[in-house]
Amino acid sequence: VPPIKRNQRQRRFLHNARGLANYVHFDALYEAYLNAALILLDLNAPLDQGNPYVHSRNQEGFGTYGGPHLLTLVTEVATRALKAVWFQKWFVHRRLRPEAFGGRIHVHLTGQRDYDMIDSEVLESRAVKATQERFGTFLLPQAFPEGSPLHPAYGAGHATVAGACVTVLKAWFDESFVIPDPVVASTDGTELVPYTGADADRLTLGGELDKVAANIAIGRNLAGVHWRTDYSASVRLGESVAIGVLRDQVRVGHEAATFGLTKFDGTRMTIDRKSTRLNSSHER
């Protein structure tokens, strides 16, 4: 592909792995979920039936169980998720990045140092050979010019924040709501076109939110800075953080509110005052 001159550049919608990897290079960590919240509020997407104002004829939520409450919660769980995962990174796992592992493969195969603990299945893999043939090195290619971040790989900050923020959104809205008039990026990313897949009439709010979490987390894997399990484990950590925050909201509020949501493992759960009291008693 010939290089694109600066005056020829065109803004594009996300449509491939390269674009997604670039997005998660520069995004604010809760940006995608704040955008999702704003879009859903603008769509007037139906709220979860446990919202205390859903059935009210003369009141509506605002500072509690309304739009401003939701927007602050998305931010709140993001910062709590980061603190939780940073503890895991530094005080528990200290897992090396894929880039660092690629460096060990390189020095092993070039005879600079012996890492005999590296499995032969990795050393003799097609991926390692293809990398050397294309780049003249066994080092792992990186989407980010500066390489991977300097903090440990496990868990992943993006994935943990994704799990937390998406859990809040799934709890807040009716997950069964079908997204109206879905669109998808064209093959070159220059425009949005109607989505006409066989499941076009079954794209639910809950399913699409799960996709947002997966896409953002996997985007960091595609960039080469995370392992697959950094994503799969971390979204569940973020989910646990958000569930704890939602329990706090139910416990300290004056309204008789509940949250119903589908977890990433497919199970349903309800957060209400009764379950919160039982959970708190059990933890003590």
C-alpha atoms as a PDB file:
ATOM      1  CA  VAL A   1       0.000   0.000   0.000  1.00  0.00           C
ATOM      2  CA  PRO A   2       1.591   3.323  -1.014  1.00  0.00           C
ATOM      3  CA  PRO A   3       2.134   5.876   1.761  1.00  0.00           C
ATOM      4  CA  ILE A   4      -0.593   8.462   2.227  1.00  0.00           C
ATOM      5  CA  LYS A   5       0.540  12.066   2.102  1.00  0.00           C
ATOM      6  CA  ARG A   6      -0.633  14.330   4.906  1.00  0.00           C
ATOM      7  CA  ASN A   7      -2.998  16.314   2.668  1.00  0.00           C
ATOM      8  CA  GLN A   8      -4.521  13.051   1.386  1.00  0.00           C
ATOM      9  CA  ARG A   9      -5.417  11.599   4.769  1.00  0.00           C
ATOM     10  CA  GLN A  10      -9.066  10.817   5.349  1.00  0.00           C
ATOM     11  CA  ARG A  11     -10.786  10.188   8.638  1.00  0.00           C
ATOM     12  CA  ARG A  12     -12.207   6.675   8.805  1.00  0.00           C
ATOM     13  CA  PHE A  13     -14.512   4.652  10.993  1.00  0.00           C
ATOM     14  CA  LEU A  14     -12.985   1.687  12.798  1.00  0.00           C
ATOM     15  CA  HIS A  15     -13.099  -1.198  10.339  1.00  0.00           C
ATOM     16  CA  ASN A  16     -10.006  -3.365  10.865  1.00  0.00           C
ATOM     17  CA  ALA A  17      -7.545  -4.586  13.468  1.00  0.00           C
ATOM     18  CA  ARG A  18      -4.972  -1.907  12.650  1.00  0.00           C
ATOM     19  CA  GLY A  19      -7.466   0.877  13.307  1.00  0.00           C
ATOM     20  CA  LEU A  20      -8.674  -0.722  16.523  1.00  0.00           C
ATOM     21  CA  ALA A  21      -5.104  -1.124  17.803  1.00  0.00           C
ATOM     22  CA  ASN A  22      -4.484   2.550  17.069  1.00  0.00           C
ATOM     23  CA  TYR A  23      -7.692   3.574  18.848  1.00  0.00           C
ATOM     24  CA  VAL A  24      -6.701   1.846  22.079  1.00  0.00           C
ATOM     25  CA  HIS A  25      -3.294   3.505  21.845  1.00  0.00           C
ATOM     26  CA  PHE A  26      -4.717   6.981  22.387  1.00  0.00           C
ATOM     27  CA  ASP A  27      -8.163   6.580  23.979  1.00  0.00           C
ATOM     28  CA  ALA A  28      -9.106   7.808  27.426  1.00  0.00           C
ATOM     29  CA  LEU A  29      -9.733   4.580  29.307  1.00  0.00           C
ATOM     30  CA  TYR A  30     -13.473   5.067  29.816  1.00  0.00           C
ATOM     31  CA  GLU A  31     -14.036   6.971  26.576  1.00  0.00           C
ATOM     32  CA  ALA A  32     -15.826   4.189  24.669  1.00  0.00           C
ATOM     33  CA  TYR A  33     -18.241   3.568  27.534  1.00  0.00           C
ATOM     34  CA  LEU A  34     -18.950   7.243  28.132  1.00  0.00           C
ATOM     35  CA  ASN A  35     -19.777   7.481  24.424  1.00  0.00           C
ATOM     36  CA  ALA A  36     -21.986   4.402  24.729  1.00  0.00           C
ATOM     37  CA  ALA A  37     -23.789   5.927  27.707  1.00  0.00           C
ATOM     38  CA  LEU A  38     -24.394   9.173  25.834  1.00  0.00           C
ATOM     39  CA  ILE A  39     -25.651   7.309  22.761  1.00  0.00           C
ATOM     40  CA  LEU A  40     -28.031   5.169  24.826  1.00  0.00           C
ATOM     41  CA  LEU A  41     -29.356   8.194  26.692  1.00  0.00           C
ATOM     42  CA  ASP A  42     -29.888   9.987  23.379  1.00  0.00           C
ATOM     43  CA  LEU A  43     -31.729   6.917  22.022  1.00  0.00           C
ATOM     44  CA  ASN A  44     -33.898   7.020  25.131  1.00  0.00           C
ATOM     45  CA  ALA A  45     -33.076   3.349  25.577  1.00  0.00           C
ATOM     46  CA  PRO A  46     -35.368   1.748  28.155  1.00  0.00           C
ATOM     47  CA  LEU A  47     -34.043   1.516  31.684  1.00  0.00           C
ATOM     48  CA  ASP A  48     -33.793  -1.629  33.751  1.00  0.00           C
ATOM     49  CA  GLN A  49     -37.107  -2.401  35.408  1.00  0.00           C
ATOM     50  CA  GLY A  50     -35.465  -2.087  38.812  1.00  0.00           C
ATOM     51  CA  ASN A  51     -34.906   1.648  38.347  1.00  0.00           C
ATOM     52  CA  PRO A  52     -37.120   3.273  40.998  1.00  0.00           C
ATOM     53  CA  TYR A  53     -38.422   5.916  38.597  1.00  0.00           C
ATOM     54  CA  VAL A  54     -39.393   3.669  35.689  1.00  0.00           C
ATOM     55  CA  HIS A  55     -42.978   3.314  36.876  1.00  0.00           C
ATOM     56  CA  SER A  56     -43.352   6.739  38.476  1.00  0.00           C
ATOM     57  CA  ARG A  57     -46.004   9.021  36.960  1.00  0.00           C
ATOM     58  CA  ASN A  58     -44.771  12.268  38.512  1.00  0.00           C
ATOM     59  CA  GLN A  59     -41.022  11.846  39.150  1.00  0.00           C
ATOM     60  CA  GLU A  60     -37.919  11.072  37.146  1.00  0.00           C
ATOM     61  CA  GLY A  61     -34.352  10.277  38.070  1.00  0.00           C
ATOM     62  CA  PHE A  62     -31.585  12.852  37.841  1.00  0.00           C
ATOM     63  CA  GLY A  63     -28.918  13.033  40.528  1.00  0.00           C
ATOM     64  CA  THR A  64     -30.029   9.579  41.613  1.00  0.00           C
ATOM     65  CA  TYR A  65     -30.933   6.953  39.008  1.00  0.00           C
ATOM     66  CA  GLY A  66     -30.955   9.485  36.190  1.00  0.00           C
ATOM     67  CA  GLY A  67     -28.558  10.530  33.451  1.00  0.00           C
ATOM     68  CA  PRO A  68     -26.060  12.426  35.650  1.00  0.00           C
ATOM     69  CA  HIS A  69     -25.952   9.499  38.086  1.00  0.00           C
ATOM     70  CA  LEU A  70     -25.117   7.085  35.266  1.00  0.00           C
ATOM     71  CA  LEU A  71     -22.387   9.279  33.796  1.00  0.00           C
ATOM     72  CA  THR A  72     -20.664   9.650  37.158  1.00  0.00           C
ATOM     73  CA  LEU A  73     -20.906   5.904  37.814  1.00  0.00           C
ATOM     74  CA  VAL A  74     -19.161   5.066  34.530  1.00  0.00           C
ATOM     75  CA  THR A  75     -16.275   7.262  35.639  1.00  0.00           C
ATOM     76  CA  GLU A  76     -16.325   6.016  39.238  1.00  0.00           C
ATOM     77  CA  VAL A  77     -15.980   2.350  38.386  1.00  0.00           C
ATOM     78  CA  ALA A  78     -13.212   3.143  35.884  1.00  0.00           C
ATOM     79  CA  THR A  79     -10.915   4.588  38.544  1.00  0.00           C
ATOM     80  CA  ARG A  80     -11.735   1.816  41.018  1.00  0.00           C
ATOM     81  CA  ALA A  81     -11.059  -0.809  38.353  1.00  0.00           C
ATOM     82  CA  LEU A  82      -7.655   0.698  37.627  1.00  0.00           C
ATOM     83  CA  LYS A  83      -6.674   0.581  41.286  1.00  0.00           C
ATOM     84  CA  ALA A  84      -7.764  -3.038  41.540  1.00  0.00           C
ATOM     85  CA  VAL A  85      -5.838  -4.156  38.479  1.00  0.00           C
ATOM     86  CA  TRP A  86      -2.700  -2.183  39.359  1.00  0.00           C
ATOM     87  CA  PHE A  87      -2.519  -4.101  42.616  1.00  0.00           C
ATOM     88  CA  GLN A  88      -2.740  -7.325  40.629  1.00  0.00           C
ATOM     89  CA  LYS A  89      -0.071  -6.165  38.187  1.00  0.00           C
ATOM     90  CA  TRP A  90       2.568  -5.160  40.715  1.00  0.00           C
ATOM     91  CA  PHE A  91       1.854  -7.042  43.939  1.00  0.00           C
ATOM     92  CA  VAL A  92       0.612 -10.393  42.650  1.00  0.00           C
ATOM     93  CA  HIS A  93       1.528 -11.434  39.099  1.00  0.00           C
ATOM     94  CA  ARG A  94       4.321  -9.323  37.580  1.00  0.00           C
ATOM     95  CA  ARG A  95       3.767 -11.034  34.203  1.00  0.00           C
ATOM     96  CA  LEU A  96       6.116  -9.983  31.411  1.00  0.00           C
ATOM     97  CA  ARG A  97       4.755  -8.379  28.273  1.00  0.00           C
ATOM     98  CA  PRO A  98       4.586 -10.257  24.934  1.00  0.00           C
ATOM     99  CA  GLU A  99       7.272  -7.857  23.669  1.00  0.00           C
ATOM    100  CA  ALA A 100       9.616  -8.914  26.482  1.00  0.00           C
ATOM    101  CA  PHE A 101       8.919 -12.574  25.762  1.00  0.00           C
ATOM    102  CA  GLY A 102       9.686 -11.915  22.096  1.00  0.00           C
ATOM    103  CA  GLY A 103      12.998 -10.440  23.191  1.00  0.00           C
ATOM    104  CA  ARG A 104      13.835 -13.657  25.042  1.00  0.00           C
ATOM    105  CA  ILE A 105      12.960 -15.704  21.987  1.00  0.00           C
ATOM    106  CA  HIS A 106      15.217 -13.492  19.878  1.00  0.00           C
ATOM    107  CA  VAL A 107      18.289 -13.733  22.104  1.00  0.00           C
ATOM    108  CA  HIS A 108      17.740 -17.491  22.523  1.00  0.00           C
ATOM    109  CA  LEU A 109      17.449 -18.233  18.802  1.00  0.00           C
ATOM    110  CA  THR A 110      20.385 -15.958  17.941  1.00  0.00           C
ATOM    111  CA  GLY A 111      22.562 -17.672  20.536  1.00  0.00           C
ATOM    112  CA  GLN A 112      23.074 -14.633  22.763  1.00  0.00           C
ATOM    113  CA  ARG A 113      21.526 -16.312  25.809  1.00  0.00           C
ATOM    114  CA  ASP A 114      20.014 -19.658  26.663  1.00  0.00           C
ATOM    115  CA  TYR A 115      16.360 -19.661  27.667  1.00  0.00           C
ATOM    116  CA  ASP A 116      15.853 -23.408  27.720  1.00  0.00           C
ATOM    117  CA  MET A 117      12.526 -23.025  29.533  1.00  0.00           C
ATOM    118  CA  ILE A 118      10.863 -21.703  26.363  1.00  0.00           C
ATOM    119  CA  ASP A 119       8.768 -24.488  24.859  1.00  0.00           C
ATOM    120  CA  SER A 120       9.897 -25.827  21.484  1.00  0.00           C
ATOM    121  CA  GLU A 121       6.338 -25.438  20.199  1.00  0.00           C
ATOM    122  CA  VAL A 122       6.851 -21.674  20.460  1.00  0.00           C
ATOM    123  CA  LEU A 123      10.411 -21.602  19.136  1.00  0.00           C
ATOM    124  CA  GLU A 124       9.486 -23.699  16.101  1.00  0.00           C
ATOM    125  CA  SER A 125       6.147 -22.028  15.413  1.00  0.00           C
ATOM    126  CA  ARG A 126       5.153 -20.584  12.052  1.00  0.00           C
ATOM    127  CA  ALA A 127       4.666 -17.176  13.656  1.00  0.00           C
ATOM    128  CA  VAL A 128       8.278 -16.971  14.812  1.00  0.00           C
ATOM    129  CA  LYS A 129       9.571 -18.072  11.409  1.00  0.00           C
ATOM    130  CA  ALA A 130       7.312 -15.659   9.530  1.00  0.00           C
ATOM    131  CA  THR A 131       8.444 -12.774  11.743  1.00  0.00           C
ATOM    132  CA  GLN A 132      12.104 -13.500  11.047  1.00  0.00           C
ATOM    133  CA  GLU A 133      11.504 -13.851   7.312  1.00  0.00           C
ATOM    134  CA  ARG A 134       9.664 -10.544   7.084  1.00  0.00           C
ATOM    135  CA  PHE A 135      11.625  -8.377   9.518  1.00  0.00           C
ATOM    136  CA  GLY A 136      14.985 -10.102   9.813  1.00  0.00           C
ATOM    137  CA  THR A 137      14.530 -10.465  13.555  1.00  0.00           C
ATOM    138  CA  PHE A 138      12.650 -12.665  15.983  1.00  0.00           C
ATOM    139  CA  LEU A 139      11.495  -9.663  18.005  1.00  0.00           C
ATOM    140  CA  LEU A 140       7.721  -9.339  18.299  1.00  0.00           C
ATOM    141  CA  PRO A 141       6.351  -6.549  16.047  1.00  0.00           C
ATOM    142  CA  GLN A 142       4.493  -3.834  17.918  1.00  0.00           C
ATOM    143  CA  ALA A 143       1.706  -1.528  16.735  1.00  0.00           C
ATOM    144  CA  PHE A 144       2.899   1.226  19.065  1.00  0.00           C
ATOM    145  CA  PRO A 145       6.119   2.999  17.984  1.00  0.00           C
ATOM    146  CA  GLU A 146       7.327   3.207  21.586  1.00  0.00           C
ATOM    147  CA  GLY A 147       6.606  -0.463  22.206  1.00  0.00           C
ATOM    148  CA  SER A 148       4.587  -1.897  25.073  1.00  0.00           C
ATOM    149  CA  PRO A 149       3.868  -0.077  28.345  1.00  0.00           C
ATOM    150  CA  LEU A 150       6.422  -0.474  31.123  1.00  0.00           C
ATOM    151  CA  HIS A 151       4.050  -1.917  33.733  1.00  0.00           C
ATOM    152  CA  PRO A 152       3.350  -5.680  33.897  1.00  0.00           C
ATOM    153  CA  ALA A 153       0.910  -7.319  31.512  1.00  0.00           C
ATOM    154  CA  TYR A 154      -1.530  -9.105  33.848  1.00  0.00           C
ATOM    155  CA  GLY A 155      -4.184  -7.946  34.293  1.00  0.00           C
ATOM    156  CA  ALA A 156      -4.955  -5.459  31.578  1.00  0.00           C
ATOM    157  CA  GLY A 157      -6.036  -1.953  32.513  1.00  0.00           C
ATOM    158  CA  HIS A 158      -8.164  -1.474  29.401  1.00  0.00           C
ATOM    159  CA  ALA A 159      -9.895  -4.831  29.892  1.00  0.00           C
ATOM    160  CA  THR A 160     -10.587  -4.246  33.579  1.00  0.00           C
ATOM    161  CA  VAL A 161     -12.072  -0.821  32.909  1.00  0.00           C
ATOM    162  CA  ALA A 162     -14.066  -2.340  30.041  1.00  0.00           C
ATOM    163  CA  GLY A 163     -15.539  -4.977  32.326  1.00  0.00           C
ATOM    164  CA  ALA A 164     -16.432  -2.439  34.990  1.00  0.00           C
ATOM    165  CA  CYS A 165     -17.998   0.204  32.759  1.00  0.00           C
ATOM    166  CA  VAL A 166     -19.950  -2.234  30.603  1.00  0.00           C
ATOM    167  CA  THR A 167     -21.317  -3.934  33.726  1.00  0.00           C
ATOM    168  CA  VAL A 168     -22.704  -0.595  34.914  1.00  0.00           C
ATOM    169  CA  LEU A 169     -24.334   0.041  31.532  1.00  0.00           C
ATOM    170  CA  LYS A 170     -25.865  -3.441  31.388  1.00  0.00           C
ATOM    171  CA  ALA A 171     -27.249  -2.991  34.893  1.00  0.00           C
ATOM    172  CA  TRP A 172     -28.632   0.462  34.123  1.00  0.00           C
ATOM    173  CA  PHE A 173     -30.482  -0.278  30.894  1.00  0.00           C
ATOM    174  CA  ASP A 174     -32.812  -3.022  29.670  1.00  0.00           C
ATOM    175  CA  GLU A 175     -30.392  -5.474  28.073  1.00  0.00           C
ATOM    176  CA  SER A 176     -33.093  -6.989  25.860  1.00  0.00           C
ATOM    177  CA  PHE A 177     -33.635  -3.705  24.003  1.00  0.00           C
ATOM    178  CA  VAL A 178     -32.979  -4.252  20.283  1.00  0.00           C
ATOM    179  CA  ILE A 179     -30.701  -1.615  18.748  1.00  0.00           C
ATOM    180  CA  PRO A 180     -32.674   0.283  16.071  1.00  0.00           C
ATOM    181  CA  ASP A 181     -31.277   0.736  12.557  1.00  0.00           C
ATOM    182  CA  PRO A 182     -27.809  -0.759  13.190  1.00  0.00           C
ATOM    183  CA  VAL A 183     -24.947   0.327  10.945  1.00  0.00           C
ATOM    184  CA  VAL A 184     -21.475  -0.995  10.231  1.00  0.00           C
ATOM    185  CA  ALA A 185     -18.351   0.550   8.739  1.00  0.00           C
ATOM    186  CA  SER A 186     -17.789   0.011   5.036  1.00  0.00           C
ATOM    187  CA  THR A 187     -14.879  -2.209   4.012  1.00  0.00           C
ATOM    188  CA  ASP A 188     -12.603   0.816   3.636  1.00  0.00           C
ATOM    189  CA  GLY A 189     -13.976   2.614   6.690  1.00  0.00           C
ATOM    190  CA  THR A 190     -15.006   5.730   4.794  1.00  0.00           C
ATOM    191  CA  GLU A 191     -18.701   5.539   5.645  1.00  0.00           C
ATOM    192  CA  LEU A 192     -21.330   3.814   7.733  1.00  0.00           C
ATOM    193  CA  VAL A 193     -23.745   1.524   5.907  1.00  0.00           C
ATOM    194  CA  PRO A 194     -26.852  -0.313   7.156  1.00  0.00           C
ATOM    195  CA  TYR A 195     -26.119  -3.627   8.806  1.00  0.00           C
ATOM    196  CA  THR A 196     -28.103  -6.301   6.954  1.00  0.00           C
ATOM    197  CA  GLY A 197     -26.841  -9.460   8.607  1.00  0.00           C
ATOM    198  CA  ALA A 198     -29.217 -12.283   9.438  1.00  0.00           C
ATOM    199  CA  ASP A 199     -29.225 -11.165  13.064  1.00  0.00           C
ATOM    200  CA  ALA A 200     -29.840  -7.479  12.309  1.00  0.00           C
ATOM    201  CA  ASP A 201     -33.167  -7.590  14.124  1.00  0.00           C
ATOM    202  CA  ARG A 202     -31.662  -9.320  17.158  1.00  0.00           C
ATOM    203  CA  LEU A 203     -28.749  -7.049  18.079  1.00  0.00           C
ATOM    204  CA  THR A 204     -29.580  -6.384  21.712  1.00  0.00           C
ATOM    205  CA  LEU A 205     -28.232  -3.683  23.957  1.00  0.00           C
ATOM    206  CA  GLY A 206     -26.653  -6.250  26.260  1.00  0.00           C
ATOM    207  CA  GLY A 207     -24.969  -8.160  23.458  1.00  0.00           C
ATOM    208  CA  GLU A 208     -23.605  -5.026  21.820  1.00  0.00           C
ATOM    209  CA  LEU A 209     -22.197  -3.776  25.125  1.00  0.00           C
ATOM    210  CA  ASP A 210     -20.392  -7.088  25.593  1.00  0.00           C
ATOM    211  CA  LYS A 211     -18.922  -6.574  22.113  1.00  0.00           C
ATOM    212  CA  VAL A 212     -17.674  -3.119  23.049  1.00  0.00           C
ATOM    213  CA  ALA A 213     -15.843  -4.537  26.075  1.00  0.00           C
ATOM    214  CA  ALA A 214     -14.386  -7.375  24.000  1.00  0.00           C
ATOM    215  CA  ASN A 215     -13.302  -5.143  21.127  1.00  0.00           C
ATOM    216  CA  ILE A 216     -11.498  -2.629  23.325  1.00  0.00           C
ATOM    217  CA  ALA A 217      -9.755  -5.326  25.358  1.00  0.00           C
ATOM    218  CA  ILE A 218      -8.824  -7.436  22.338  1.00  0.00           C
ATOM    219  CA  GLY A 219      -7.577  -4.295  20.582  1.00  0.00           C
ATOM    220  CA  ARG A 220      -4.723  -4.188  23.080  1.00  0.00           C
ATOM    221  CA  ASN A 221      -3.969  -7.839  22.276  1.00  0.00           C
ATOM    222  CA  LEU A 222      -3.932  -7.006  18.556  1.00  0.00           C
ATOM    223  CA  ALA A 223      -1.417  -4.255  19.251  1.00  0.00           C
ATOM    224  CA  GLY A 224       0.915  -6.891  20.695  1.00  0.00           C
ATOM    225  CA  VAL A 225       1.045  -5.470  24.220  1.00  0.00           C
ATOM    226  CA  HIS A 226      -1.173  -8.035  25.989  1.00  0.00           C
ATOM    227  CA  TRP A 227      -1.850 -11.761  26.176  1.00  0.00           C
ATOM    228  CA  ARG A 228      -5.275 -13.295  25.556  1.00  0.00           C
ATOM    229  CA  THR A 229      -5.760 -14.131  29.241  1.00  0.00           C
ATOM    230  CA  ASP A 230      -4.969 -10.529  30.179  1.00  0.00           C
ATOM    231  CA  TYR A 231      -8.280  -9.756  28.486  1.00  0.00           C
ATOM    232  CA  SER A 232     -10.399 -12.732  29.515  1.00  0.00           C
ATOM    233  CA  ALA A 233      -9.540 -12.576  33.217  1.00  0.00           C
ATOM    234  CA  SER A 234      -9.502  -8.807  33.539  1.00  0.00           C
ATOM    235  CA  VAL A 235     -13.005  -8.128  32.241  1.00  0.00           C
ATOM    236  CA  ARG A 236     -14.249 -10.353  35.061  1.00  0.00           C
ATOM    237  CA  LEU A 237     -12.169  -8.419  37.585  1.00  0.00           C
ATOM    238  CA  GLY A 238     -13.748  -5.203  36.326  1.00  0.00           C
ATOM    239  CA  GLU A 239     -17.165  -6.814  36.515  1.00  0.00           C
ATOM    240  CA  SER A 240     -16.586  -7.658  40.189  1.00  0.00           C
ATOM    241  CA  VAL A 241     -15.505  -4.091  40.907  1.00  0.00           C
ATOM    242  CA  ALA A 242     -18.655  -2.701  39.272  1.00  0.00           C
ATOM    243  CA  ILE A 243     -20.923  -5.135  41.102  1.00  0.00           C
ATOM    244  CA  GLY A 244     -19.439  -3.936  44.381  1.00  0.00           C
ATOM    245  CA  VAL A 245     -20.083  -0.298  43.455  1.00  0.00           C
ATOM    246  CA  LEU A 246     -23.652  -1.068  42.383  1.00  0.00           C
ATOM    247  CA  ARG A 247     -24.256  -2.826  45.703  1.00  0.00           C
ATOM    248  CA  ASP A 248     -23.092   0.325  47.459  1.00  0.00           C
ATOM    249  CA  GLN A 249     -25.513   2.422  45.397  1.00  0.00           C
ATOM    250  CA  VAL A 250     -28.459   0.234  46.365  1.00  0.00           C
ATOM    251  CA  ARG A 251     -27.453   0.085  50.020  1.00  0.00           C
ATOM    252  CA  VAL A 252     -26.944   3.796  50.669  1.00  0.00           C
ATOM    253  CA  GLY A 253     -29.759   5.230  48.525  1.00  0.00           C
ATOM    254  CA  HIS A 254     -33.210   6.120  49.813  1.00  0.00           C
ATOM    255  CA  GLU A 255     -34.983   4.679  46.771  1.00  0.00           C
ATOM    256  CA  ALA A 256     -35.986   1.026  46.618  1.00  0.00           C
ATOM    257  CA  ALA A 257     -33.820   0.267  43.594  1.00  0.00           C
ATOM    258  CA  THR A 258     -32.570  -2.977  42.079  1.00  0.00           C
ATOM    259  CA  PHE A 259     -30.155  -3.789  39.281  1.00  0.00           C
ATOM    260  CA  GLY A 260     -30.516  -6.821  37.043  1.00  0.00           C
ATOM    261  CA  LEU A 261     -27.707  -7.800  34.709  1.00  0.00           C
ATOM    262  CA  THR A 262     -26.177 -10.624  32.688  1.00  0.00           C
ATOM    263  CA  LYS A 263     -22.616 -11.385  33.698  1.00  0.00           C
ATOM    264  CA  PHE A 264     -19.886 -12.172  31.201  1.00  0.00           C
ATOM    265  CA  ASP A 265     -20.267 -15.884  31.951  1.00  0.00           C
ATOM    266  CA  GLY A 266     -23.907 -15.699  30.821  1.00  0.00           C
ATOM    267  CA  THR A 267     -25.516 -15.993  34.259  1.00  0.00           C
ATOM    268  CA  ARG A 268     -28.131 -13.522  35.471  1.00  0.00           C
ATOM    269  CA  MET A 269     -27.919 -11.740  38.789  1.00  0.00           C
ATOM    270  CA  THR A 270     -29.988  -9.206  40.695  1.00  0.00           C
ATOM    271  CA  ILE A 271     -28.594  -6.611  43.069  1.00  0.00           C
ATOM    272  CA  ASP A 272     -31.086  -5.404  45.666  1.00  0.00           C
ATOM    273  CA  ARG A 273     -31.068  -4.439  49.311  1.00  0.00           C
ATOM    274  CA  LYS A 274     -31.740  -7.976  50.467  1.00  0.00           C
ATOM    275  CA  SER A 275     -28.879  -9.528  48.500  1.00  0.00           C
ATOM    276  CA  THR A 276     -26.599  -6.676  49.549  1.00  0.00           C
ATOM    277  CA  ARG A 277     -27.311  -7.296  53.237  1.00  0.00           C
ATOM    278  CA  LEU A 278     -26.710 -11.017  52.796  1.00  0.00           C
ATOM    279  CA  ASN A 279     -23.457 -10.356  50.977  1.00  0.00           C
ATOM    280  CA  SER A 280     -22.239  -7.910  53.614  1.00  0.00           C
ATOM    281  CA  SER A 281     -23.145 -10.339  56.418  1.00  0.00           C
ATOM    282  CA  HIS A 282     -21.337 -13.175  54.664  1.00  0.00           C
ATOM    283  CA  GLU A 283     -18.208 -11.060  54.106  1.00  0.00           C
ATOM    284  CA  ARG A 284     -18.071 -10.156  57.778  1.00  0.00           C
END
